[in-house]
């Protein structure tokens, strides 16, 4: 009987250790504008792992930009706290070059671990002189911070399994003490 209980205990302990790493879900961070009063949520980003350099698996929403607009990205998260240690994300929408006589404006965004700035460009065209001029603009960086959102479902599930295991162990111990 004691051997059977030991085997069950070992299986539960292995499941508690291995399952969270196997079921690792994406890491969701909320982007907060720390310059506004009070701090305001301005977007979110979901990382598929603690490091990466590809937009594959990244979900992103900030200032009208989405993951489809990402032109380059690389990131590193602290593996124990999931704090954003390093982030370099660039996104762009619209036409990147000016063709005179055409609406060729674009928007750009650059996001790092400490802030983001947006910008863009466009053309001014004078039909009388048949000439045009391209221009670009960039906003001052806005300081941001990243906040890890609610724990992922696998974390809650493993916590519940652990509590159930402790409850079962306590129940078994109390029955053994009575007998």
C-alpha atoms as a PDB file:
ATOM      1  CA  UNK A   1       0.000   0.000   0.000  1.00  0.00           C
ATOM      2  CA  UNK A   2       2.801   2.401   0.935  1.00  0.00           C
ATOM      3  CA  UNK A   3       4.577   1.704  -2.401  1.00  0.00           C
ATOM      4  CA  UNK A   4       1.411   2.552  -4.333  1.00  0.00           C
ATOM      5  CA  UNK A   5       1.097   5.879  -2.461  1.00  0.00           C
ATOM      6  CA  UNK A   6       4.772   6.669  -3.156  1.00  0.00           C
ATOM      7  CA  UNK A   7       4.304   5.980  -6.874  1.00  0.00           C
ATOM      8  CA  UNK A   8       1.232   8.239  -6.992  1.00  0.00           C
ATOM      9  CA  UNK A   9       3.134  10.970  -5.133  1.00  0.00           C
ATOM     10  CA  UNK A  10       6.066  10.771  -7.583  1.00  0.00           C
ATOM     11  CA  UNK A  11       3.712  10.905 -10.593  1.00  0.00           C
ATOM     12  CA  UNK A  12       1.962  13.993  -9.202  1.00  0.00           C
ATOM     13  CA  UNK A  13       5.283  15.708  -8.470  1.00  0.00           C
ATOM     14  CA  UNK A  14       6.597  15.006 -11.988  1.00  0.00           C
ATOM     15  CA  UNK A  15       3.346  16.308 -13.489  1.00  0.00           C
ATOM     16  CA  UNK A  16       3.592  19.508 -11.436  1.00  0.00           C
ATOM     17  CA  UNK A  17       7.175  20.093 -12.575  1.00  0.00           C
ATOM     18  CA  UNK A  18       6.909  19.076 -16.243  1.00  0.00           C
ATOM     19  CA  UNK A  19       3.406  20.227 -17.221  1.00  0.00           C
ATOM     20  CA  UNK A  20       3.947  23.998 -16.898  1.00  0.00           C
ATOM     21  CA  UNK A  21       6.985  23.929 -19.195  1.00  0.00           C
ATOM     22  CA  UNK A  22       5.224  21.739 -21.758  1.00  0.00           C
ATOM     23  CA  UNK A  23       2.027  23.776 -21.758  1.00  0.00           C
ATOM     24  CA  UNK A  24       3.722  27.188 -21.891  1.00  0.00           C
ATOM     25  CA  UNK A  25       1.269  29.547 -23.507  1.00  0.00           C
ATOM     26  CA  UNK A  26       2.037  32.908 -25.045  1.00  0.00           C
ATOM     27  CA  UNK A  27       3.122  35.750 -22.756  1.00  0.00           C
ATOM     28  CA  UNK A  28       0.702  38.683 -22.910  1.00  0.00           C
ATOM     29  CA  UNK A  29       1.974  42.137 -21.927  1.00  0.00           C
ATOM     30  CA  UNK A  30      -0.169  45.260 -21.643  1.00  0.00           C
ATOM     31  CA  UNK A  31       1.485  48.462 -22.890  1.00  0.00           C
ATOM     32  CA  UNK A  32       0.995  51.391 -20.471  1.00  0.00           C
ATOM     33  CA  UNK A  33       1.574  55.083 -21.263  1.00  0.00           C
ATOM     34  CA  UNK A  34       3.425  56.229 -18.132  1.00  0.00           C
ATOM     35  CA  UNK A  35       3.391  59.890 -19.185  1.00  0.00           C
ATOM     36  CA  UNK A  36      -0.387  60.253 -18.885  1.00  0.00           C
ATOM     37  CA  UNK A  37      -2.052  60.795 -15.518  1.00  0.00           C
ATOM     38  CA  UNK A  38      -3.308  58.278 -14.503  1.00  0.00           C
ATOM     39  CA  UNK A  39      -1.329  55.672 -16.432  1.00  0.00           C
ATOM     40  CA  UNK A  40      -3.313  54.622 -19.510  1.00  0.00           C
ATOM     41  CA  UNK A  41      -3.450  51.327 -21.372  1.00  0.00           C
ATOM     42  CA  UNK A  42      -2.518  52.087 -24.981  1.00  0.00           C
ATOM     43  CA  UNK A  43      -1.987  48.632 -26.451  1.00  0.00           C
ATOM     44  CA  UNK A  44      -0.864  45.066 -25.982  1.00  0.00           C
ATOM     45  CA  UNK A  45       1.703  42.645 -27.290  1.00  0.00           C
ATOM     46  CA  UNK A  46       1.788  38.872 -27.041  1.00  0.00           C
ATOM     47  CA  UNK A  47       5.126  37.088 -27.236  1.00  0.00           C
ATOM     48  CA  UNK A  48       5.253  33.393 -28.194  1.00  0.00           C
ATOM     49  CA  UNK A  49       8.365  32.831 -26.051  1.00  0.00           C
ATOM     50  CA  UNK A  50      10.967  34.591 -23.897  1.00  0.00           C
ATOM     51  CA  UNK A  51      13.211  35.451 -26.870  1.00  0.00           C
ATOM     52  CA  UNK A  52      12.696  35.845 -30.580  1.00  0.00           C
ATOM     53  CA  UNK A  53      13.407  37.760 -33.744  1.00  0.00           C
ATOM     54  CA  UNK A  54      10.442  36.943 -35.957  1.00  0.00           C
ATOM     55  CA  UNK A  55       6.912  38.317 -36.117  1.00  0.00           C
ATOM     56  CA  UNK A  56       5.569  34.748 -36.310  1.00  0.00           C
ATOM     57  CA  UNK A  57       3.333  34.163 -33.303  1.00  0.00           C
ATOM     58  CA  UNK A  58       3.493  37.789 -32.150  1.00  0.00           C
ATOM     59  CA  UNK A  59       0.166  39.527 -31.637  1.00  0.00           C
ATOM     60  CA  UNK A  60       0.398  43.295 -31.495  1.00  0.00           C
ATOM     61  CA  UNK A  61      -1.938  46.254 -31.162  1.00  0.00           C
ATOM     62  CA  UNK A  62      -0.809  49.838 -30.589  1.00  0.00           C
ATOM     63  CA  UNK A  63      -1.846  53.188 -32.045  1.00  0.00           C
ATOM     64  CA  UNK A  64      -3.752  51.583 -34.945  1.00  0.00           C
ATOM     65  CA  UNK A  65      -0.903  49.203 -35.819  1.00  0.00           C
ATOM     66  CA  UNK A  66      -1.272  45.415 -35.753  1.00  0.00           C
ATOM     67  CA  UNK A  67       1.000  42.408 -36.208  1.00  0.00           C
ATOM     68  CA  UNK A  68       0.440  42.606 -39.993  1.00  0.00           C
ATOM     69  CA  UNK A  69       2.271  45.965 -40.007  1.00  0.00           C
ATOM     70  CA  UNK A  70       5.446  44.715 -38.253  1.00  0.00           C
ATOM     71  CA  UNK A  71       8.513  45.122 -40.475  1.00  0.00           C
ATOM     72  CA  UNK A  72      11.100  43.936 -37.915  1.00  0.00           C
ATOM     73  CA  UNK A  73      11.087  42.727 -34.320  1.00  0.00           C
ATOM     74  CA  UNK A  74      13.391  41.214 -31.716  1.00  0.00           C
ATOM     75  CA  UNK A  75      12.815  40.766 -27.998  1.00  0.00           C
ATOM     76  CA  UNK A  76      14.179  39.283 -24.801  1.00  0.00           C
ATOM     77  CA  UNK A  77      12.068  38.695 -21.689  1.00  0.00           C
ATOM     78  CA  UNK A  78      13.299  37.837 -18.210  1.00  0.00           C
ATOM     79  CA  UNK A  79      12.526  34.097 -17.962  1.00  0.00           C
ATOM     80  CA  UNK A  80      11.489  34.249 -14.292  1.00  0.00           C
ATOM     81  CA  UNK A  81       9.320  37.398 -14.270  1.00  0.00           C
ATOM     82  CA  UNK A  82       8.585  37.840 -17.993  1.00  0.00           C
ATOM     83  CA  UNK A  83       9.609  41.492 -17.690  1.00  0.00           C
ATOM     84  CA  UNK A  84      10.600  43.024 -21.028  1.00  0.00           C
ATOM     85  CA  UNK A  85      14.413  43.267 -20.940  1.00  0.00           C
ATOM     86  CA  UNK A  86      14.907  44.274 -24.587  1.00  0.00           C
ATOM     87  CA  UNK A  87      12.496  45.078 -27.418  1.00  0.00           C
ATOM     88  CA  UNK A  88      13.022  46.490 -30.897  1.00  0.00           C
ATOM     89  CA  UNK A  89       9.818  46.591 -32.938  1.00  0.00           C
ATOM     90  CA  UNK A  90       9.286  48.584 -36.125  1.00  0.00           C
ATOM     91  CA  UNK A  91       6.006  48.805 -38.006  1.00  0.00           C
ATOM     92  CA  UNK A  92       4.831  50.647 -41.110  1.00  0.00           C
ATOM     93  CA  UNK A  93       1.566  51.125 -42.997  1.00  0.00           C
ATOM     94  CA  UNK A  94       0.946  52.747 -46.341  1.00  0.00           C
ATOM     95  CA  UNK A  95       3.214  53.399 -49.309  1.00  0.00           C
ATOM     96  CA  UNK A  96       6.868  53.907 -48.349  1.00  0.00           C
ATOM     97  CA  UNK A  97       7.774  56.086 -51.351  1.00  0.00           C
ATOM     98  CA  UNK A  98       6.268  59.207 -52.861  1.00  0.00           C
ATOM     99  CA  UNK A  99       4.972  59.292 -56.416  1.00  0.00           C
ATOM    100  CA  UNK A 100       3.993  62.846 -57.256  1.00  0.00           C
ATOM    101  CA  UNK A 101       0.338  63.304 -57.984  1.00  0.00           C
ATOM    102  CA  UNK A 102      -0.560  60.297 -55.843  1.00  0.00           C
ATOM    103  CA  UNK A 103      -1.574  60.019 -52.211  1.00  0.00           C
ATOM    104  CA  UNK A 104       1.457  58.204 -50.851  1.00  0.00           C
ATOM    105  CA  UNK A 105       1.377  58.896 -47.156  1.00  0.00           C
ATOM    106  CA  UNK A 106       2.573  56.315 -44.644  1.00  0.00           C
ATOM    107  CA  UNK A 107       2.697  55.867 -40.899  1.00  0.00           C
ATOM    108  CA  UNK A 108       5.563  54.352 -38.941  1.00  0.00           C
ATOM    109  CA  UNK A 109       6.013  53.223 -35.371  1.00  0.00           C
ATOM    110  CA  UNK A 110       9.056  52.251 -33.327  1.00  0.00           C
ATOM    111  CA  UNK A 111       8.609  50.489 -29.967  1.00  0.00           C
ATOM    112  CA  UNK A 112      11.346  49.695 -27.455  1.00  0.00           C
ATOM    113  CA  UNK A 113      11.374  48.459 -23.858  1.00  0.00           C
ATOM    114  CA  UNK A 114      11.237  52.068 -22.592  1.00  0.00           C
ATOM    115  CA  UNK A 115       9.051  53.940 -25.058  1.00  0.00           C
ATOM    116  CA  UNK A 116       7.583  54.358 -28.491  1.00  0.00           C
ATOM    117  CA  UNK A 117       7.540  57.018 -31.167  1.00  0.00           C
ATOM    118  CA  UNK A 118       5.435  57.282 -34.260  1.00  0.00           C
ATOM    119  CA  UNK A 119       5.900  59.180 -37.448  1.00  0.00           C
ATOM    120  CA  UNK A 120       5.120  59.135 -41.083  1.00  0.00           C
ATOM    121  CA  UNK A 121       5.499  60.902 -44.341  1.00  0.00           C
ATOM    122  CA  UNK A 122       3.696  62.180 -47.336  1.00  0.00           C
ATOM    123  CA  UNK A 123       3.909  64.355 -50.382  1.00  0.00           C
ATOM    124  CA  UNK A 124       2.819  67.855 -51.173  1.00  0.00           C
ATOM    125  CA  UNK A 125       2.031  68.365 -54.859  1.00  0.00           C
ATOM    126  CA  UNK A 126       1.446  71.585 -56.757  1.00  0.00           C
ATOM    127  CA  UNK A 127      -0.501  70.852 -59.974  1.00  0.00           C
ATOM    128  CA  UNK A 128       0.279  74.301 -61.471  1.00  0.00           C
ATOM    129  CA  UNK A 129       4.036  73.897 -61.303  1.00  0.00           C
ATOM    130  CA  UNK A 130       3.806  70.101 -61.677  1.00  0.00           C
ATOM    131  CA  UNK A 131       6.229  69.700 -58.780  1.00  0.00           C
ATOM    132  CA  UNK A 132       6.058  68.033 -55.437  1.00  0.00           C
ATOM    133  CA  UNK A 133       7.964  67.607 -52.258  1.00  0.00           C
ATOM    134  CA  UNK A 134       8.234  64.693 -49.850  1.00  0.00           C
ATOM    135  CA  UNK A 135       8.252  65.237 -46.119  1.00  0.00           C
ATOM    136  CA  UNK A 136       8.642  63.096 -43.015  1.00  0.00           C
ATOM    137  CA  UNK A 137       7.756  63.668 -39.391  1.00  0.00           C
ATOM    138  CA  UNK A 138       8.478  61.930 -36.105  1.00  0.00           C
ATOM    139  CA  UNK A 139       6.857  62.425 -32.697  1.00  0.00           C
ATOM    140  CA  UNK A 140       8.771  62.727 -29.454  1.00  0.00           C
ATOM    141  CA  UNK A 141       9.175  59.371 -27.710  1.00  0.00           C
ATOM    142  CA  UNK A 142       6.378  58.444 -25.299  1.00  0.00           C
ATOM    143  CA  UNK A 143       7.600  56.549 -22.223  1.00  0.00           C
ATOM    144  CA  UNK A 144       5.873  53.208 -21.719  1.00  0.00           C
ATOM    145  CA  UNK A 145       6.000  50.278 -19.350  1.00  0.00           C
ATOM    146  CA  UNK A 146       4.884  46.700 -19.816  1.00  0.00           C
ATOM    147  CA  UNK A 147       2.610  44.889 -17.366  1.00  0.00           C
ATOM    148  CA  UNK A 148       2.171  41.128 -17.428  1.00  0.00           C
ATOM    149  CA  UNK A 149      -1.547  40.423 -17.608  1.00  0.00           C
ATOM    150  CA  UNK A 150      -3.475  37.691 -15.790  1.00  0.00           C
ATOM    151  CA  UNK A 151      -1.809  34.318 -15.256  1.00  0.00           C
ATOM    152  CA  UNK A 152      -2.257  31.927 -18.122  1.00  0.00           C
ATOM    153  CA  UNK A 153      -4.819  29.115 -17.807  1.00  0.00           C
ATOM    154  CA  UNK A 154      -2.168  26.407 -17.409  1.00  0.00           C
ATOM    155  CA  UNK A 155      -0.861  28.224 -14.315  1.00  0.00           C
ATOM    156  CA  UNK A 156      -4.324  28.226 -12.750  1.00  0.00           C
ATOM    157  CA  UNK A 157      -4.821  24.569 -13.702  1.00  0.00           C
ATOM    158  CA  UNK A 158      -1.521  23.500 -12.142  1.00  0.00           C
ATOM    159  CA  UNK A 159      -2.316  25.460  -8.977  1.00  0.00           C
ATOM    160  CA  UNK A 160      -5.696  23.720  -8.693  1.00  0.00           C
ATOM    161  CA  UNK A 161      -4.086  20.300  -9.290  1.00  0.00           C
ATOM    162  CA  UNK A 162      -1.569  21.087  -6.534  1.00  0.00           C
ATOM    163  CA  UNK A 163      -4.273  22.103  -4.065  1.00  0.00           C
ATOM    164  CA  UNK A 164      -6.281  18.999  -4.942  1.00  0.00           C
ATOM    165  CA  UNK A 165      -3.189  16.860  -4.358  1.00  0.00           C
ATOM    166  CA  UNK A 166      -2.556  18.507  -0.981  1.00  0.00           C
ATOM    167  CA  UNK A 167      -6.199  18.045  -0.020  1.00  0.00           C
ATOM    168  CA  UNK A 168      -6.093  14.381  -0.998  1.00  0.00           C
ATOM    169  CA  UNK A 169      -2.848  13.847   0.931  1.00  0.00           C
ATOM    170  CA  UNK A 170      -4.397  15.502   4.011  1.00  0.00           C
ATOM    171  CA  UNK A 171      -7.514  13.365   3.674  1.00  0.00           C
ATOM    172  CA  UNK A 172      -5.437  10.184   3.442  1.00  0.00           C
ATOM    173  CA  UNK A 173      -3.325  11.187   6.439  1.00  0.00           C
ATOM    174  CA  UNK A 174      -6.394  11.904   8.577  1.00  0.00           C
ATOM    175  CA  UNK A 175      -7.940   8.519   7.700  1.00  0.00           C
ATOM    176  CA  UNK A 176      -4.694   6.744   8.552  1.00  0.00           C
ATOM    177  CA  UNK A 177      -4.496   8.516  11.951  1.00  0.00           C
ATOM    178  CA  UNK A 178      -8.022   7.384  12.897  1.00  0.00           C
ATOM    179  CA  UNK A 179      -7.455   3.730  11.968  1.00  0.00           C
END
